[in-house]
C-alpha atoms as a PDB file:
ATOM      1  CA  UNK A   1     246.295 151.079  90.689  1.00  0.00           C
ATOM      2  CA  UNK A   2     247.744 147.632  90.879  1.00  0.00           C
ATOM      3  CA  UNK A   3     249.823 145.714  88.340  1.00  0.00           C
ATOM      4  CA  UNK A   4     248.799 142.130  87.685  1.00  0.00           C
ATOM      5  CA  UNK A   5     249.794 139.500  85.157  1.00  0.00           C
ATOM      6  CA  UNK A   6     247.241 137.330  83.421  1.00  0.00           C
ATOM      7  CA  UNK A   7     247.763 134.413  81.083  1.00  0.00           C
ATOM      8  CA  UNK A   8     245.712 133.938  77.929  1.00  0.00           C
ATOM      9  CA  UNK A   9     246.528 131.072  75.565  1.00  0.00           C
ATOM     10  CA  UNK A  10     249.823 130.532  77.348  1.00  0.00           C
ATOM     11  CA  UNK A  11     250.995 134.135  76.996  1.00  0.00           C
ATOM     12  CA  UNK A  12     251.365 136.495  79.927  1.00  0.00           C
ATOM     13  CA  UNK A  13     249.946 139.998  79.714  1.00  0.00           C
ATOM     14  CA  UNK A  14     250.606 142.754  82.245  1.00  0.00           C
ATOM     15  CA  UNK A  15     247.559 144.788  83.231  1.00  0.00           C
ATOM     16  CA  UNK A  16     246.956 147.722  85.525  1.00  0.00           C
ATOM     17  CA  UNK A  17     243.699 147.566  87.438  1.00  0.00           C
ATOM     18  CA  UNK A  18     242.073 149.290  90.369  1.00  0.00           C
ATOM     19  CA  UNK A  19     242.541 147.320  93.581  1.00  0.00           C
ATOM     20  CA  UNK A  20     238.797 146.780  93.797  1.00  0.00           C
ATOM     21  CA  UNK A  21     238.689 145.357  90.250  1.00  0.00           C
ATOM     22  CA  UNK A  22     241.529 142.842  90.503  1.00  0.00           C
ATOM     23  CA  UNK A  23     239.383 139.801  91.292  1.00  0.00           C
ATOM     24  CA  UNK A  24     236.833 140.665  88.617  1.00  0.00           C
ATOM     25  CA  UNK A  25     239.529 141.217  85.971  1.00  0.00           C
ATOM     26  CA  UNK A  26     241.140 137.872  86.800  1.00  0.00           C
ATOM     27  CA  UNK A  27     237.754 136.149  86.394  1.00  0.00           C
ATOM     28  CA  UNK A  28     237.233 137.907  83.053  1.00  0.00           C
ATOM     29  CA  UNK A  29     240.690 136.910  81.813  1.00  0.00           C
ATOM     30  CA  UNK A  30     240.140 133.316  82.927  1.00  0.00           C
ATOM     31  CA  UNK A  31     236.845 133.274  81.037  1.00  0.00           C
ATOM     32  CA  UNK A  32     238.479 134.660  77.887  1.00  0.00           C
ATOM     33  CA  UNK A  33     241.320 132.147  78.221  1.00  0.00           C
ATOM     34  CA  UNK A  34     238.871 129.242  78.515  1.00  0.00           C
ATOM     35  CA  UNK A  35     236.908 130.417  75.488  1.00  0.00           C
ATOM     36  CA  UNK A  36     240.101 130.807  73.449  1.00  0.00           C
ATOM     37  CA  UNK A  37     241.242 127.322  74.504  1.00  0.00           C
ATOM     38  CA  UNK A  38     237.890 125.861  73.464  1.00  0.00           C
ATOM     39  CA  UNK A  39     238.206 127.437  70.029  1.00  0.00           C
ATOM     40  CA  UNK A  40     241.875 126.372  69.811  1.00  0.00           C
ATOM     41  CA  UNK A  41     240.803 122.735  70.390  1.00  0.00           C
ATOM     42  CA  UNK A  42     238.153 122.983  67.675  1.00  0.00           C
ATOM     43  CA  UNK A  43     240.296 124.847  65.135  1.00  0.00           C
ATOM     44  CA  UNK A  44     243.626 123.073  65.468  1.00  0.00           C
ATOM     45  CA  UNK A  45     244.828 123.878  61.949  1.00  0.00           C
ATOM     46  CA  UNK A  46     243.852 127.556  62.026  1.00  0.00           C
ATOM     47  CA  UNK A  47     246.300 130.337  62.902  1.00  0.00           C
ATOM     48  CA  UNK A  48     246.100 131.749  66.403  1.00  0.00           C
ATOM     49  CA  UNK A  49     244.792 135.071  65.092  1.00  0.00           C
ATOM     50  CA  UNK A  50     241.807 133.282  63.523  1.00  0.00           C
ATOM     51  CA  UNK A  51     241.120 131.376  66.731  1.00  0.00           C
ATOM     52  CA  UNK A  52     241.264 134.558  68.794  1.00  0.00           C
ATOM     53  CA  UNK A  53     239.101 136.500  66.336  1.00  0.00           C
ATOM     54  CA  UNK A  54     236.382 133.844  66.241  1.00  0.00           C
ATOM     55  CA  UNK A  55     236.413 133.474  70.020  1.00  0.00           C
ATOM     56  CA  UNK A  56     236.208 137.261  70.414  1.00  0.00           C
ATOM     57  CA  UNK A  57     233.223 137.353  68.050  1.00  0.00           C
ATOM     58  CA  UNK A  58     231.533 134.636  70.080  1.00  0.00           C
ATOM     59  CA  UNK A  59     232.124 136.540  73.330  1.00  0.00           C
ATOM     60  CA  UNK A  60     230.824 139.744  71.712  1.00  0.00           C
ATOM     61  CA  UNK A  61     227.716 137.879  70.572  1.00  0.00           C
ATOM     62  CA  UNK A  62     227.104 136.751  74.166  1.00  0.00           C
ATOM     63  CA  UNK A  63     227.506 140.335  75.349  1.00  0.00           C
ATOM     64  CA  UNK A  64     225.016 141.648  72.794  1.00  0.00           C
ATOM     65  CA  UNK A  65     222.503 138.925  73.700  1.00  0.00           C
ATOM     66  CA  UNK A  66     222.878 139.774  77.391  1.00  0.00           C
ATOM     67  CA  UNK A  67     222.381 143.476  76.645  1.00  0.00           C
ATOM     68  CA  UNK A  68     219.293 142.739  74.557  1.00  0.00           C
ATOM     69  CA  UNK A  69     217.878 140.547  77.319  1.00  0.00           C
ATOM     70  CA  UNK A  70     218.612 143.269  79.846  1.00  0.00           C
ATOM     71  CA  UNK A  71     216.935 145.839  77.625  1.00  0.00           C
ATOM     72  CA  UNK A  72     213.848 143.642  77.309  1.00  0.00           C
ATOM     73  CA  UNK A  73     213.738 143.186  81.083  1.00  0.00           C
ATOM     74  CA  UNK A  74     213.995 146.946  81.565  1.00  0.00           C
ATOM     75  CA  UNK A  75     211.139 147.503  79.104  1.00  0.00           C
ATOM     76  CA  UNK A  76     208.997 144.919  80.896  1.00  0.00           C
ATOM     77  CA  UNK A  77     209.871 146.477  84.238  1.00  0.00           C
ATOM     78  CA  UNK A  78     208.935 149.919  82.920  1.00  0.00           C
ATOM     79  CA  UNK A  79     205.566 148.665  81.665  1.00  0.00           C
ATOM     80  CA  UNK A  80     204.908 146.927  84.969  1.00  0.00           C
ATOM     81  CA  UNK A  81     205.730 150.104  86.885  1.00  0.00           C
ATOM     82  CA  UNK A  82     203.385 152.099  84.638  1.00  0.00           C
ATOM     83  CA  UNK A  83     200.558 149.649  85.360  1.00  0.00           C
ATOM     84  CA  UNK A  84     201.280 149.759  89.091  1.00  0.00           C
ATOM     85  CA  UNK A  85     201.297 153.567  89.016  1.00  0.00           C
ATOM     86  CA  UNK A  86     197.980 153.661  87.162  1.00  0.00           C
ATOM     87  CA  UNK A  87     196.462 151.230  89.647  1.00  0.00           C
ATOM     88  CA  UNK A  88     197.734 153.305  92.564  1.00  0.00           C
ATOM     89  CA  UNK A  89     196.344 156.481  91.008  1.00  0.00           C
ATOM     90  CA  UNK A  90     192.931 154.815  90.640  1.00  0.00           C
ATOM     91  CA  UNK A  91     193.041 153.660  94.252  1.00  0.00           C
ATOM     92  CA  UNK A  92     193.961 157.143  95.443  1.00  0.00           C
ATOM     93  CA  UNK A  93     191.048 158.603  93.500  1.00  0.00           C
ATOM     94  CA  UNK A  94     188.692 156.046  95.029  1.00  0.00           C
ATOM     95  CA  UNK A  95     189.982 156.814  98.514  1.00  0.00           C
ATOM     96  CA  UNK A  96     189.538 160.565  97.952  1.00  0.00           C
ATOM     97  CA  UNK A  97     185.968 160.018  96.741  1.00  0.00           C
ATOM     98  CA  UNK A  98     185.004 158.051  99.851  1.00  0.00           C
END
């Protein structure tokens, strides 16, 4: 485990991460920080907790959309594999009959 410090909305947070995950975690924190800053610019008069909550909801929405898209791709892939398998089975039967 490695200790790192990340900054989100000007505040430092200590995190412990696996050595192999350090770069990825820094990218994630930078992404979150940028999203929070974007919401901060748009919601100047709102309290920080509101800004962070709305930004977190937006990030969660992106995650759910990505998961749904991934799920759809997996379903399509599964159907494609089923069709390929059926075609291969037909070809094998034809070869056996010859």
